[in-house]
Amino acid sequence: MARRVSRRTHQQVLMQTWWVRAALALACLLLAYGFASLAIDSGNLLEYAITIILVWYAGRNTIRAFRLALFA
């Protein structure tokens, strides 16, 4: 049986570039700043949780951006 060839879409290829990862990390940090500001004003735990998740995701994308920029 012949194996099926899997092809990556343009979006999948674009997500593996360092500048897209860096832009995504910056956008997440800006959103996290906004949610942190709202969380401090209101004291809502959900907004704190969203802030923590966004900061974690931004850190993860920053590390991936550096890896792609240096080792790709």
PDB file of N, CA and C in Angstrom:
ATOM      1  N   MET A   1       0.820  -1.194   0.000  1.00  0.00           N
ATOM      2  CA  MET A   1       0.000   0.000   0.000  1.00  0.00           C
ATOM      3  C   MET A   1       0.861   1.254   0.000  1.00  0.00           C
ATOM      4  N   ALA A   2       0.453   2.190  -0.757  1.00  0.00           N
ATOM      5  CA  ALA A   2       1.194   3.439  -0.828  1.00  0.00           C
ATOM      6  C   ALA A   2       0.846   4.321   0.370  1.00  0.00           C
ATOM      7  N   ARG A   3       1.867   4.956   0.889  1.00  0.00           N
ATOM      8  CA  ARG A   3       1.640   5.877   1.994  1.00  0.00           C
ATOM      9  C   ARG A   3       1.182   7.221   1.484  1.00  0.00           C
ATOM     10  N   ARG A   4       0.357   7.840   2.265  1.00  0.00           N
ATOM     11  CA  ARG A   4      -0.146   9.150   1.895  1.00  0.00           C
ATOM     12  C   ARG A   4       0.874  10.225   2.237  1.00  0.00           C
ATOM     13  N   VAL A   5       1.074  11.137   1.328  1.00  0.00           N
ATOM     14  CA  VAL A   5       2.026  12.215   1.554  1.00  0.00           C
ATOM     15  C   VAL A   5       1.315  13.321   2.321  1.00  0.00           C
ATOM     16  N   SER A   6       1.894  13.691   3.438  1.00  0.00           N
ATOM     17  CA  SER A   6       1.289  14.767   4.214  1.00  0.00           C
ATOM     18  C   SER A   6       1.978  16.077   3.854  1.00  0.00           C
ATOM     19  N   ARG A   7       1.197  17.061   3.538  1.00  0.00           N
ATOM     20  CA  ARG A   7       1.744  18.361   3.153  1.00  0.00           C
ATOM     21  C   ARG A   7       1.333  19.393   4.172  1.00  0.00           C
ATOM     22  N   ARG A   8       2.259  20.249   4.480  1.00  0.00           N
ATOM     23  CA  ARG A   8       1.972  21.309   5.451  1.00  0.00           C
ATOM     24  C   ARG A   8       1.360  22.502   4.734  1.00  0.00           C
ATOM     25  N   THR A   9       0.371  23.100   5.364  1.00  0.00           N
ATOM     26  CA  THR A   9      -0.282  24.260   4.779  1.00  0.00           C
ATOM     27  C   THR A   9       0.585  25.500   4.981  1.00  0.00           C
ATOM     28  N   HIS A  10       0.209  26.558   4.310  1.00  0.00           N
ATOM     29  CA  HIS A  10       0.950  27.814   4.423  1.00  0.00           C
ATOM     30  C   HIS A  10       0.912  28.339   5.857  1.00  0.00           C
ATOM     31  N   GLN A  11      -0.217  28.176   6.542  1.00  0.00           N
ATOM     32  CA  GLN A  11      -0.337  28.643   7.925  1.00  0.00           C
ATOM     33  C   GLN A  11       0.584  27.856   8.852  1.00  0.00           C
ATOM     34  N   GLN A  12       0.722  26.568   8.628  1.00  0.00           N
ATOM     35  CA  GLN A  12       1.607  25.758   9.455  1.00  0.00           C
ATOM     36  C   GLN A  12       3.065  26.142   9.245  1.00  0.00           C
ATOM     37  N   VAL A  13       3.422  26.448   8.025  1.00  0.00           N
ATOM     38  CA  VAL A  13       4.790  26.876   7.737  1.00  0.00           C
ATOM     39  C   VAL A  13       5.048  28.250   8.335  1.00  0.00           C
ATOM     40  N   LEU A  14       4.070  29.138   8.248  1.00  0.00           N
ATOM     41  CA  LEU A  14       4.221  30.502   8.761  1.00  0.00           C
ATOM     42  C   LEU A  14       4.368  30.513  10.280  1.00  0.00           C
ATOM     43  N   MET A  15       3.692  29.613  10.987  1.00  0.00           N
ATOM     44  CA  MET A  15       3.798  29.567  12.446  1.00  0.00           C
ATOM     45  C   MET A  15       5.177  29.117  12.908  1.00  0.00           C
ATOM     46  N   GLN A  16       5.963  28.537  12.041  1.00  0.00           N
ATOM     47  CA  GLN A  16       7.297  28.075  12.417  1.00  0.00           C
ATOM     48  C   GLN A  16       8.385  29.087  12.054  1.00  0.00           C
ATOM     49  N   THR A  17       8.012  30.347  11.901  1.00  0.00           N
ATOM     50  CA  THR A  17       9.001  31.394  11.686  1.00  0.00           C
ATOM     51  C   THR A  17       9.168  32.169  12.992  1.00  0.00           C
ATOM     52  N   TRP A  18      10.370  32.671  13.221  1.00  0.00           N
ATOM     53  CA  TRP A  18      10.658  33.293  14.511  1.00  0.00           C
ATOM     54  C   TRP A  18       9.888  34.589  14.714  1.00  0.00           C
ATOM     55  N   TRP A  19       9.685  35.351  13.640  1.00  0.00           N
ATOM     56  CA  TRP A  19       9.043  36.654  13.811  1.00  0.00           C
ATOM     57  C   TRP A  19       7.554  36.522  14.104  1.00  0.00           C
ATOM     58  N   VAL A  20       6.902  35.473  13.617  1.00  0.00           N
ATOM     59  CA  VAL A  20       5.494  35.247  13.953  1.00  0.00           C
ATOM     60  C   VAL A  20       5.379  34.860  15.423  1.00  0.00           C
ATOM     61  N   ARG A  21       6.281  34.005  15.885  1.00  0.00           N
ATOM     62  CA  ARG A  21       6.283  33.613  17.301  1.00  0.00           C
ATOM     63  C   ARG A  21       6.553  34.813  18.198  1.00  0.00           C
ATOM     64  N   ALA A  22       7.484  35.687  17.793  1.00  0.00           N
ATOM     65  CA  ALA A  22       7.791  36.871  18.597  1.00  0.00           C
ATOM     66  C   ALA A  22       6.607  37.840  18.632  1.00  0.00           C
ATOM     67  N   ALA A  23       5.929  38.010  17.506  1.00  0.00           N
ATOM     68  CA  ALA A  23       4.759  38.884  17.463  1.00  0.00           C
ATOM     69  C   ALA A  23       3.623  38.320  18.321  1.00  0.00           C
ATOM     70  N   LEU A  24       3.452  37.009  18.287  1.00  0.00           N
ATOM     71  CA  LEU A  24       2.430  36.368  19.112  1.00  0.00           C
ATOM     72  C   LEU A  24       2.748  36.523  20.594  1.00  0.00           C
ATOM     73  N   ALA A  25       4.016  36.398  20.960  1.00  0.00           N
ATOM     74  CA  ALA A  25       4.425  36.586  22.352  1.00  0.00           C
ATOM     75  C   ALA A  25       4.174  38.019  22.804  1.00  0.00           C
ATOM     76  N   LEU A  26       4.475  38.982  21.949  1.00  0.00           N
ATOM     77  CA  LEU A  26       4.241  40.381  22.292  1.00  0.00           C
ATOM     78  C   LEU A  26       2.754  40.672  22.452  1.00  0.00           C
ATOM     79  N   ALA A  27       1.944  40.127  21.565  1.00  0.00           N
ATOM     80  CA  ALA A  27       0.491  40.320  21.672  1.00  0.00           C
ATOM     81  C   ALA A  27      -0.052  39.700  22.960  1.00  0.00           C
ATOM     82  N   CYS A  28       0.454  38.528  23.323  1.00  0.00           N
ATOM     83  CA  CYS A  28       0.015  37.889  24.568  1.00  0.00           C
ATOM     84  C   CYS A  28       0.430  38.706  25.779  1.00  0.00           C
ATOM     85  N   LEU A  29       1.627  39.280  25.739  1.00  0.00           N
ATOM     86  CA  LEU A  29       2.071  40.108  26.856  1.00  0.00           C
ATOM     87  C   LEU A  29       1.225  41.367  26.985  1.00  0.00           C
ATOM     88  N   LEU A  30       0.852  41.958  25.871  1.00  0.00           N
ATOM     89  CA  LEU A  30      -0.013  43.141  25.925  1.00  0.00           C
ATOM     90  C   LEU A  30      -1.394  42.796  26.479  1.00  0.00           C
ATOM     91  N   LEU A  31      -1.942  41.665  26.054  1.00  0.00           N
ATOM     92  CA  LEU A  31      -3.222  41.218  26.601  1.00  0.00           C
ATOM     93  C   LEU A  31      -3.107  40.892  28.090  1.00  0.00           C
ATOM     94  N   ALA A  32      -2.005  40.279  28.480  1.00  0.00           N
ATOM     95  CA  ALA A  32      -1.794  39.954  29.891  1.00  0.00           C
ATOM     96  C   ALA A  32      -1.711  41.221  30.731  1.00  0.00           C
ATOM     97  N   TYR A  33      -1.068  42.249  30.204  1.00  0.00           N
ATOM     98  CA  TYR A  33      -0.988  43.523  30.914  1.00  0.00           C
ATOM     99  C   TYR A  33      -2.386  44.112  31.132  1.00  0.00           C
ATOM    100  N   GLY A  34      -3.197  44.045  30.085  1.00  0.00           N
ATOM    101  CA  GLY A  34      -4.569  44.554  30.208  1.00  0.00           C
ATOM    102  C   GLY A  34      -5.379  43.762  31.216  1.00  0.00           C
ATOM    103  N   PHE A  35      -5.278  42.433  31.170  1.00  0.00           N
ATOM    104  CA  PHE A  35      -6.017  41.614  32.127  1.00  0.00           C
ATOM    105  C   PHE A  35      -5.494  41.793  33.544  1.00  0.00           C
ATOM    106  N   ALA A  36      -4.182  41.981  33.708  1.00  0.00           N
ATOM    107  CA  ALA A  36      -3.626  42.209  35.041  1.00  0.00           C
ATOM    108  C   ALA A  36      -4.139  43.520  35.616  1.00  0.00           C
ATOM    109  N   SER A  37      -4.223  44.526  34.777  1.00  0.00           N
ATOM    110  CA  SER A  37      -4.753  45.807  35.224  1.00  0.00           C
ATOM    111  C   SER A  37      -6.210  45.675  35.658  1.00  0.00           C
ATOM    112  N   LEU A  38      -6.989  44.957  34.878  1.00  0.00           N
ATOM    113  CA  LEU A  38      -8.385  44.725  35.257  1.00  0.00           C
ATOM    114  C   LEU A  38      -8.490  43.885  36.525  1.00  0.00           C
ATOM    115  N   ALA A  39      -7.633  42.904  36.659  1.00  0.00           N
ATOM    116  CA  ALA A  39      -7.684  42.028  37.827  1.00  0.00           C
ATOM    117  C   ALA A  39      -7.328  42.782  39.098  1.00  0.00           C
ATOM    118  N   ILE A  40      -6.370  43.679  39.026  1.00  0.00           N
ATOM    119  CA  ILE A  40      -5.993  44.465  40.198  1.00  0.00           C
ATOM    120  C   ILE A  40      -7.135  45.384  40.604  1.00  0.00           C
ATOM    121  N   ASP A  41      -7.797  45.994  39.618  1.00  0.00           N
ATOM    122  CA  ASP A  41      -8.902  46.905  39.923  1.00  0.00           C
ATOM    123  C   ASP A  41     -10.116  46.183  40.488  1.00  0.00           C
ATOM    124  N   SER A  42     -10.448  45.024  39.924  1.00  0.00           N
ATOM    125  CA  SER A  42     -11.682  44.356  40.316  1.00  0.00           C
ATOM    126  C   SER A  42     -11.477  43.245  41.341  1.00  0.00           C
ATOM    127  N   GLY A  43     -10.293  42.660  41.383  1.00  0.00           N
ATOM    128  CA  GLY A  43     -10.038  41.549  42.289  1.00  0.00           C
ATOM    129  C   GLY A  43     -10.637  40.238  41.819  1.00  0.00           C
ATOM    130  N   ASN A  44     -10.963  40.141  40.543  1.00  0.00           N
ATOM    131  CA  ASN A  44     -11.580  38.941  39.983  1.00  0.00           C
ATOM    132  C   ASN A  44     -10.516  37.861  39.757  1.00  0.00           C
ATOM    133  N   LEU A  45     -10.749  36.683  40.329  1.00  0.00           N
ATOM    134  CA  LEU A  45      -9.775  35.593  40.212  1.00  0.00           C
ATOM    135  C   LEU A  45      -9.683  35.048  38.792  1.00  0.00           C
ATOM    136  N   LEU A  46     -10.767  35.115  38.035  1.00  0.00           N
ATOM    137  CA  LEU A  46     -10.729  34.641  36.655  1.00  0.00           C
ATOM    138  C   LEU A  46      -9.770  35.489  35.821  1.00  0.00           C
ATOM    139  N   GLU A  47      -9.754  36.783  36.064  1.00  0.00           N
ATOM    140  CA  GLU A  47      -8.841  37.654  35.320  1.00  0.00           C
ATOM    141  C   GLU A  47      -7.388  37.398  35.717  1.00  0.00           C
ATOM    142  N   TYR A  48      -7.153  37.091  36.988  1.00  0.00           N
ATOM    143  CA  TYR A  48      -5.806  36.695  37.402  1.00  0.00           C
ATOM    144  C   TYR A  48      -5.380  35.412  36.694  1.00  0.00           C
ATOM    145  N   ALA A  49      -6.285  34.454  36.607  1.00  0.00           N
ATOM    146  CA  ALA A  49      -5.978  33.185  35.949  1.00  0.00           C
ATOM    147  C   ALA A  49      -5.673  33.396  34.467  1.00  0.00           C
ATOM    148  N   ILE A  50      -6.460  34.225  33.808  1.00  0.00           N
ATOM    149  CA  ILE A  50      -6.214  34.522  32.397  1.00  0.00           C
ATOM    150  C   ILE A  50      -4.856  35.199  32.216  1.00  0.00           C
ATOM    151  N   THR A  51      -4.507  36.086  33.149  1.00  0.00           N
ATOM    152  CA  THR A  51      -3.207  36.759  33.097  1.00  0.00           C
ATOM    153  C   THR A  51      -2.068  35.760  33.206  1.00  0.00           C
ATOM    154  N   ILE A  52      -2.177  34.828  34.134  1.00  0.00           N
ATOM    155  CA  ILE A  52      -1.119  33.828  34.323  1.00  0.00           C
ATOM    156  C   ILE A  52      -0.978  32.957  33.079  1.00  0.00           C
ATOM    157  N   ILE A  53      -2.102  32.543  32.502  1.00  0.00           N
ATOM    158  CA  ILE A  53      -2.062  31.711  31.293  1.00  0.00           C
ATOM    159  C   ILE A  53      -1.435  32.469  30.133  1.00  0.00           C
ATOM    160  N   LEU A  54      -1.797  33.747  29.975  1.00  0.00           N
ATOM    161  CA  LEU A  54      -1.232  34.542  28.879  1.00  0.00           C
ATOM    162  C   LEU A  54       0.267  34.775  29.055  1.00  0.00           C
ATOM    163  N   VAL A  55       0.712  35.003  30.281  1.00  0.00           N
ATOM    164  CA  VAL A  55       2.142  35.195  30.524  1.00  0.00           C
ATOM    165  C   VAL A  55       2.899  33.902  30.244  1.00  0.00           C
ATOM    166  N   TRP A  56       2.337  32.766  30.656  1.00  0.00           N
ATOM    167  CA  TRP A  56       2.968  31.477  30.387  1.00  0.00           C
ATOM    168  C   TRP A  56       3.074  31.231  28.877  1.00  0.00           C
ATOM    169  N   TYR A  57       1.984  31.503  28.149  1.00  0.00           N
ATOM    170  CA  TYR A  57       1.977  31.288  26.704  1.00  0.00           C
ATOM    171  C   TYR A  57       2.962  32.230  26.003  1.00  0.00           C
ATOM    172  N   ALA A  58       3.059  33.466  26.482  1.00  0.00           N
ATOM    173  CA  ALA A  58       4.008  34.417  25.904  1.00  0.00           C
ATOM    174  C   ALA A  58       5.441  33.963  26.148  1.00  0.00           C
ATOM    175  N   GLY A  59       5.717  33.453  27.332  1.00  0.00           N
ATOM    176  CA  GLY A  59       7.056  32.952  27.625  1.00  0.00           C
ATOM    177  C   GLY A  59       7.413  31.763  26.758  1.00  0.00           C
ATOM    178  N   ARG A  60       6.454  30.877  26.576  1.00  0.00           N
ATOM    179  CA  ARG A  60       6.672  29.706  25.727  1.00  0.00           C
ATOM    180  C   ARG A  60       6.968  30.120  24.280  1.00  0.00           C
ATOM    181  N   ASN A  61       6.211  31.079  23.760  1.00  0.00           N
ATOM    182  CA  ASN A  61       6.432  31.537  22.387  1.00  0.00           C
ATOM    183  C   ASN A  61       7.731  32.331  22.253  1.00  0.00           C
ATOM    184  N   THR A  62       8.129  33.032  23.304  1.00  0.00           N
ATOM    185  CA  THR A  62       9.400  33.752  23.266  1.00  0.00           C
ATOM    186  C   THR A  62      10.559  32.773  23.173  1.00  0.00           C
ATOM    187  N   ILE A  63      10.507  31.707  23.963  1.00  0.00           N
ATOM    188  CA  ILE A  63      11.555  30.690  23.910  1.00  0.00           C
ATOM    189  C   ILE A  63      11.601  30.033  22.539  1.00  0.00           C
ATOM    190  N   ARG A  64      10.436  29.728  21.984  1.00  0.00           N
ATOM    191  CA  ARG A  64      10.406  29.121  20.645  1.00  0.00           C
ATOM    192  C   ARG A  64      10.927  30.078  19.577  1.00  0.00           C
ATOM    193  N   ALA A  65      10.628  31.369  19.724  1.00  0.00           N
ATOM    194  CA  ALA A  65      11.128  32.359  18.759  1.00  0.00           C
ATOM    195  C   ALA A  65      12.641  32.417  18.795  1.00  0.00           C
ATOM    196  N   PHE A  66      13.227  32.415  20.001  1.00  0.00           N
ATOM    197  CA  PHE A  66      14.691  32.418  20.103  1.00  0.00           C
ATOM    198  C   PHE A  66      15.292  31.161  19.510  1.00  0.00           C
ATOM    199  N   ARG A  67      14.676  30.014  19.766  1.00  0.00           N
ATOM    200  CA  ARG A  67      15.195  28.775  19.201  1.00  0.00           C
ATOM    201  C   ARG A  67      15.137  28.781  17.685  1.00  0.00           C
ATOM    202  N   LEU A  68      14.039  29.286  17.134  1.00  0.00           N
ATOM    203  CA  LEU A  68      13.925  29.335  15.676  1.00  0.00           C
ATOM    204  C   LEU A  68      14.899  30.333  15.071  1.00  0.00           C
ATOM    205  N   ALA A  69      15.111  31.456  15.776  1.00  0.00           N
ATOM    206  CA  ALA A  69      16.010  32.484  15.247  1.00  0.00           C
ATOM    207  C   ALA A  69      17.461  32.027  15.293  1.00  0.00           C
ATOM    208  N   LEU A  70      17.831  31.279  16.329  1.00  0.00           N
ATOM    209  CA  LEU A  70      19.230  30.918  16.495  1.00  0.00           C
ATOM    210  C   LEU A  70      19.602  29.589  15.842  1.00  0.00           C
ATOM    211  N   PHE A  71      18.693  28.626  15.861  1.00  0.00           N
ATOM    212  CA  PHE A  71      19.041  27.277  15.435  1.00  0.00           C
ATOM    213  C   PHE A  71      18.386  26.818  14.144  1.00  0.00           C
ATOM    214  N   ALA A  72      17.611  27.662  13.505  1.00  0.00           N
ATOM    215  CA  ALA A  72      16.921  27.221  12.280  1.00  0.00           C
ATOM    216  C   ALA A  72      17.630  27.692  11.042  1.00  0.00           C
TER     217      ALA A  72
END
